[in-house]
Amino acid sequence: MSLSSRFAVAVHVLTLLAQVEDRPATSEYMAGSINTDPVVVRRILGALRKAGLVTTQPGVGGGSSLARDPEQITLLDVYRAVEKGRLFSLHHRPPNPHGVVGGNIQTTLESVFGEAEAAMEEVLAGITVTQVLQDVVACAGQVVEQ
């Protein structure tokens, strides 16, 4: 079982775009910061563009820019743009329905998983790309210009 890094990469991309403000950034530039292949960045940008979070300009001097003010983009917006499906999944095959646990575990887990996902969404909804940029810059010992 592997975890997806799409969300982390998407937040990284949007934070970079918030930092460079109105100048378009290339996928190569972003890939250098993320330490990944530009193709990975372009895939993420495609999902972010589809969600209305970024715009892209092809050609020389082109690149990607934020489509909205970073103060208006929450991490929940980003999560929903790049992650499909639920945070947790149930068994790949139904458990044995004849035992006490096997016959009832999925109902219990659905409730617990639903509560956990709602809590995560509440936290992500309260954090903006601007706040992430401010934290990143503070970690670097710099002051964010408003």
C-alpha atoms as a PDB file:
ATOM      1  CA  MET A   1       0.000   0.000   0.000  1.00  0.00           C
ATOM      2  CA  SER A   2       1.470   3.306  -1.022  1.00  0.00           C
ATOM      3  CA  LEU A   3       0.532   6.842  -0.145  1.00  0.00           C
ATOM      4  CA  SER A   4       0.009   9.492  -2.782  1.00  0.00           C
ATOM      5  CA  SER A   5       2.208  12.571  -2.840  1.00  0.00           C
ATOM      6  CA  ARG A   6      -0.048  14.460  -5.294  1.00  0.00           C
ATOM      7  CA  PHE A   7      -1.463  16.670  -2.553  1.00  0.00           C
ATOM      8  CA  ALA A   8       1.963  17.632  -1.183  1.00  0.00           C
ATOM      9  CA  VAL A   9       3.265  18.351  -4.685  1.00  0.00           C
ATOM     10  CA  ALA A  10       0.165  20.413  -5.518  1.00  0.00           C
ATOM     11  CA  VAL A  11       0.557  22.525  -2.363  1.00  0.00           C
ATOM     12  CA  HIS A  12       4.246  22.995  -3.224  1.00  0.00           C
ATOM     13  CA  VAL A  13       3.332  24.135  -6.760  1.00  0.00           C
ATOM     14  CA  LEU A  14       0.713  26.614  -5.557  1.00  0.00           C
ATOM     15  CA  THR A  15       3.020  27.970  -2.865  1.00  0.00           C
ATOM     16  CA  LEU A  16       5.725  28.574  -5.478  1.00  0.00           C
ATOM     17  CA  LEU A  17       3.203  30.340  -7.707  1.00  0.00           C
ATOM     18  CA  ALA A  18       2.088  32.493  -4.773  1.00  0.00           C
ATOM     19  CA  GLN A  19       5.719  33.398  -4.104  1.00  0.00           C
ATOM     20  CA  VAL A  20       6.461  34.501  -7.682  1.00  0.00           C
ATOM     21  CA  GLU A  21       3.124  36.348  -7.743  1.00  0.00           C
ATOM     22  CA  ASP A  22       2.123  37.571 -11.212  1.00  0.00           C
ATOM     23  CA  ARG A  23       5.028  36.060 -13.172  1.00  0.00           C
ATOM     24  CA  PRO A  24       4.311  32.741 -14.848  1.00  0.00           C
ATOM     25  CA  ALA A  25       6.479  29.868 -13.641  1.00  0.00           C
ATOM     26  CA  THR A  26       7.564  27.001 -15.859  1.00  0.00           C
ATOM     27  CA  SER A  27       7.111  23.367 -14.952  1.00  0.00           C
ATOM     28  CA  GLU A  28      10.908  23.036 -15.130  1.00  0.00           C
ATOM     29  CA  TYR A  29      11.342  25.764 -12.511  1.00  0.00           C
ATOM     30  CA  MET A  30       8.790  24.145 -10.226  1.00  0.00           C
ATOM     31  CA  ALA A  31      10.232  20.667 -10.784  1.00  0.00           C
ATOM     32  CA  GLY A  32      13.621  21.995  -9.670  1.00  0.00           C
ATOM     33  CA  SER A  33      12.150  23.148  -6.362  1.00  0.00           C
ATOM     34  CA  ILE A  34      10.180  19.944  -5.870  1.00  0.00           C
ATOM     35  CA  ASN A  35      13.095  17.767  -7.031  1.00  0.00           C
ATOM     36  CA  THR A  36      10.981  15.813  -9.486  1.00  0.00           C
ATOM     37  CA  ASP A  37      10.467  15.479 -13.214  1.00  0.00           C
ATOM     38  CA  PRO A  38       8.621  18.334 -15.002  1.00  0.00           C
ATOM     39  CA  VAL A  39       6.144  15.750 -16.318  1.00  0.00           C
ATOM     40  CA  VAL A  40       4.976  15.128 -12.740  1.00  0.00           C
ATOM     41  CA  VAL A  41       4.464  18.862 -12.280  1.00  0.00           C
ATOM     42  CA  ARG A  42       2.548  19.145 -15.566  1.00  0.00           C
ATOM     43  CA  ARG A  43       0.177  16.366 -14.479  1.00  0.00           C
ATOM     44  CA  ILE A  44      -0.506  18.166 -11.214  1.00  0.00           C
ATOM     45  CA  LEU A  45      -0.927  21.468 -13.067  1.00  0.00           C
ATOM     46  CA  GLY A  46      -3.517  19.811 -15.298  1.00  0.00           C
ATOM     47  CA  ALA A  47      -5.633  18.855 -12.286  1.00  0.00           C
ATOM     48  CA  LEU A  48      -5.172  22.306 -10.727  1.00  0.00           C
ATOM     49  CA  ARG A  49      -6.133  23.980 -14.011  1.00  0.00           C
ATOM     50  CA  LYS A  50      -9.245  21.804 -14.308  1.00  0.00           C
ATOM     51  CA  ALA A  51     -10.217  22.878 -10.772  1.00  0.00           C
ATOM     52  CA  GLY A  52      -9.770  26.556 -11.690  1.00  0.00           C
ATOM     53  CA  LEU A  53      -6.807  27.111  -9.381  1.00  0.00           C
ATOM     54  CA  VAL A  54      -4.145  27.865 -12.027  1.00  0.00           C
ATOM     55  CA  THR A  55      -3.916  29.166 -15.557  1.00  0.00           C
ATOM     56  CA  THR A  56      -1.242  28.265 -18.078  1.00  0.00           C
ATOM     57  CA  GLN A  57       0.249  30.180 -20.980  1.00  0.00           C
ATOM     58  CA  PRO A  58       2.000  28.072 -23.626  1.00  0.00           C
ATOM     59  CA  GLY A  59       5.070  29.130 -25.568  1.00  0.00           C
ATOM     60  CA  VAL A  60       8.151  31.226 -24.930  1.00  0.00           C
ATOM     61  CA  GLY A  61       7.719  33.311 -21.798  1.00  0.00           C
ATOM     62  CA  GLY A  62       4.755  31.172 -20.808  1.00  0.00           C
ATOM     63  CA  GLY A  63       4.160  29.151 -17.710  1.00  0.00           C
ATOM     64  CA  SER A  64       1.613  28.799 -14.961  1.00  0.00           C
ATOM     65  CA  SER A  65       0.084  31.366 -12.636  1.00  0.00           C
ATOM     66  CA  LEU A  66      -2.514  31.323  -9.897  1.00  0.00           C
ATOM     67  CA  ALA A  67      -6.040  31.782 -11.224  1.00  0.00           C
ATOM     68  CA  ARG A  68      -7.240  33.132  -7.870  1.00  0.00           C
ATOM     69  CA  ASP A  69      -5.804  35.094  -4.982  1.00  0.00           C
ATOM     70  CA  PRO A  70      -3.799  32.695  -2.773  1.00  0.00           C
ATOM     71  CA  GLU A  71      -5.791  33.938   0.221  1.00  0.00           C
ATOM     72  CA  GLN A  72      -8.871  32.471  -1.463  1.00  0.00           C
ATOM     73  CA  ILE A  73      -7.386  29.025  -2.150  1.00  0.00           C
ATOM     74  CA  THR A  74      -7.724  26.625   0.759  1.00  0.00           C
ATOM     75  CA  LEU A  75      -5.858  23.392   1.160  1.00  0.00           C
ATOM     76  CA  LEU A  76      -9.228  21.669   0.910  1.00  0.00           C
ATOM     77  CA  ASP A  77      -9.603  23.141  -2.599  1.00  0.00           C
ATOM     78  CA  VAL A  78      -6.189  21.723  -3.448  1.00  0.00           C
ATOM     79  CA  TYR A  79      -6.920  18.338  -1.918  1.00  0.00           C
ATOM     80  CA  ARG A  80     -10.171  17.990  -3.831  1.00  0.00           C
ATOM     81  CA  ALA A  81      -8.451  19.020  -7.062  1.00  0.00           C
ATOM     82  CA  VAL A  82      -5.770  16.337  -6.972  1.00  0.00           C
ATOM     83  CA  GLU A  83      -6.999  13.476  -4.810  1.00  0.00           C
ATOM     84  CA  LYS A  84      -9.812  11.302  -6.058  1.00  0.00           C
ATOM     85  CA  GLY A  85     -11.794   8.961  -3.905  1.00  0.00           C
ATOM     86  CA  ARG A  86     -11.887   8.639  -0.188  1.00  0.00           C
ATOM     87  CA  LEU A  87      -9.058   9.064   2.274  1.00  0.00           C
ATOM     88  CA  PHE A  88      -9.587   5.594   3.728  1.00  0.00           C
ATOM     89  CA  SER A  89     -10.885   2.491   2.021  1.00  0.00           C
ATOM     90  CA  LEU A  90     -12.567  -0.581   3.324  1.00  0.00           C
ATOM     91  CA  HIS A  91     -11.461  -4.137   2.669  1.00  0.00           C
ATOM     92  CA  HIS A  92     -10.751  -4.983  -0.964  1.00  0.00           C
ATOM     93  CA  ARG A  93     -12.841  -8.124  -0.512  1.00  0.00           C
ATOM     94  CA  PRO A  94     -15.820  -8.359   1.811  1.00  0.00           C
ATOM     95  CA  PRO A  95     -14.964  -9.886   5.181  1.00  0.00           C
ATOM     96  CA  ASN A  96     -16.584 -13.105   6.334  1.00  0.00           C
ATOM     97  CA  PRO A  97     -20.152 -12.076   7.265  1.00  0.00           C
ATOM     98  CA  HIS A  98     -20.659 -14.992   9.665  1.00  0.00           C
ATOM     99  CA  GLY A  99     -18.429 -13.726  12.476  1.00  0.00           C
ATOM    100  CA  VAL A 100     -19.253 -10.930  14.903  1.00  0.00           C
ATOM    101  CA  VAL A 101     -16.320  -8.802  13.735  1.00  0.00           C
ATOM    102  CA  GLY A 102     -16.380  -9.779  10.066  1.00  0.00           C
ATOM    103  CA  GLY A 103     -20.121  -9.227   9.813  1.00  0.00           C
ATOM    104  CA  ASN A 104     -20.073  -5.767  11.388  1.00  0.00           C
ATOM    105  CA  ILE A 105     -16.632  -4.213  10.976  1.00  0.00           C
ATOM    106  CA  GLN A 106     -17.408  -2.347   7.774  1.00  0.00           C
ATOM    107  CA  THR A 107     -20.345  -0.458   9.296  1.00  0.00           C
ATOM    108  CA  THR A 108     -18.193   0.622  12.215  1.00  0.00           C
ATOM    109  CA  LEU A 109     -15.246   1.570  10.006  1.00  0.00           C
ATOM    110  CA  GLU A 110     -17.461   3.596   7.645  1.00  0.00           C
ATOM    111  CA  SER A 111     -18.557   5.712  10.601  1.00  0.00           C
ATOM    112  CA  VAL A 112     -15.038   6.179  11.982  1.00  0.00           C
ATOM    113  CA  PHE A 113     -13.576   6.909   8.529  1.00  0.00           C
ATOM    114  CA  GLY A 114     -16.338   9.427   7.813  1.00  0.00           C
ATOM    115  CA  GLU A 115     -15.616  11.304  11.033  1.00  0.00           C
ATOM    116  CA  ALA A 116     -11.865  11.303  10.352  1.00  0.00           C
ATOM    117  CA  GLU A 117     -12.343  12.588   6.802  1.00  0.00           C
ATOM    118  CA  ALA A 118     -14.693  15.343   8.010  1.00  0.00           C
ATOM    119  CA  ALA A 119     -12.134  16.431  10.622  1.00  0.00           C
ATOM    120  CA  MET A 120      -9.351  16.499   8.025  1.00  0.00           C
ATOM    121  CA  GLU A 121     -11.497  18.528   5.640  1.00  0.00           C
ATOM    122  CA  GLU A 122     -12.311  21.013   8.393  1.00  0.00           C
ATOM    123  CA  VAL A 123      -8.602  21.560   9.087  1.00  0.00           C
ATOM    124  CA  LEU A 124      -7.706  21.888   5.393  1.00  0.00           C
ATOM    125  CA  ALA A 125     -10.589  24.329   4.811  1.00  0.00           C
ATOM    126  CA  GLY A 126      -9.085  26.650   7.431  1.00  0.00           C
ATOM    127  CA  ILE A 127      -5.643  26.938   5.820  1.00  0.00           C
ATOM    128  CA  THR A 128      -4.903  28.998   2.709  1.00  0.00           C
ATOM    129  CA  VAL A 129      -2.022  28.966   0.260  1.00  0.00           C
ATOM    130  CA  THR A 130      -1.061  32.399   1.614  1.00  0.00           C
ATOM    131  CA  GLN A 131      -0.724  30.936   5.109  1.00  0.00           C
ATOM    132  CA  VAL A 132       1.429  28.099   3.785  1.00  0.00           C
ATOM    133  CA  LEU A 133       3.702  30.612   2.037  1.00  0.00           C
ATOM    134  CA  GLN A 134       3.954  32.679   5.210  1.00  0.00           C
ATOM    135  CA  ASP A 135       4.924  29.595   7.220  1.00  0.00           C
ATOM    136  CA  VAL A 136       7.489  28.528   4.611  1.00  0.00           C
ATOM    137  CA  VAL A 137       9.076  31.963   4.564  1.00  0.00           C
ATOM    138  CA  ALA A 138       9.047  32.135   8.366  1.00  0.00           C
ATOM    139  CA  CYS A 139      10.856  28.783   8.474  1.00  0.00           C
ATOM    140  CA  ALA A 140      13.447  30.300   6.159  1.00  0.00           C
ATOM    141  CA  GLY A 141      13.865  33.245   8.557  1.00  0.00           C
ATOM    142  CA  GLN A 142      12.495  35.832   6.154  1.00  0.00           C
ATOM    143  CA  VAL A 143       9.598  38.272   6.293  1.00  0.00           C
ATOM    144  CA  VAL A 144       6.712  37.874   3.827  1.00  0.00           C
ATOM    145  CA  GLU A 145       5.834  41.090   2.051  1.00  0.00           C
ATOM    146  CA  GLN A 146       2.113  41.769   1.914  1.00  0.00           C
END
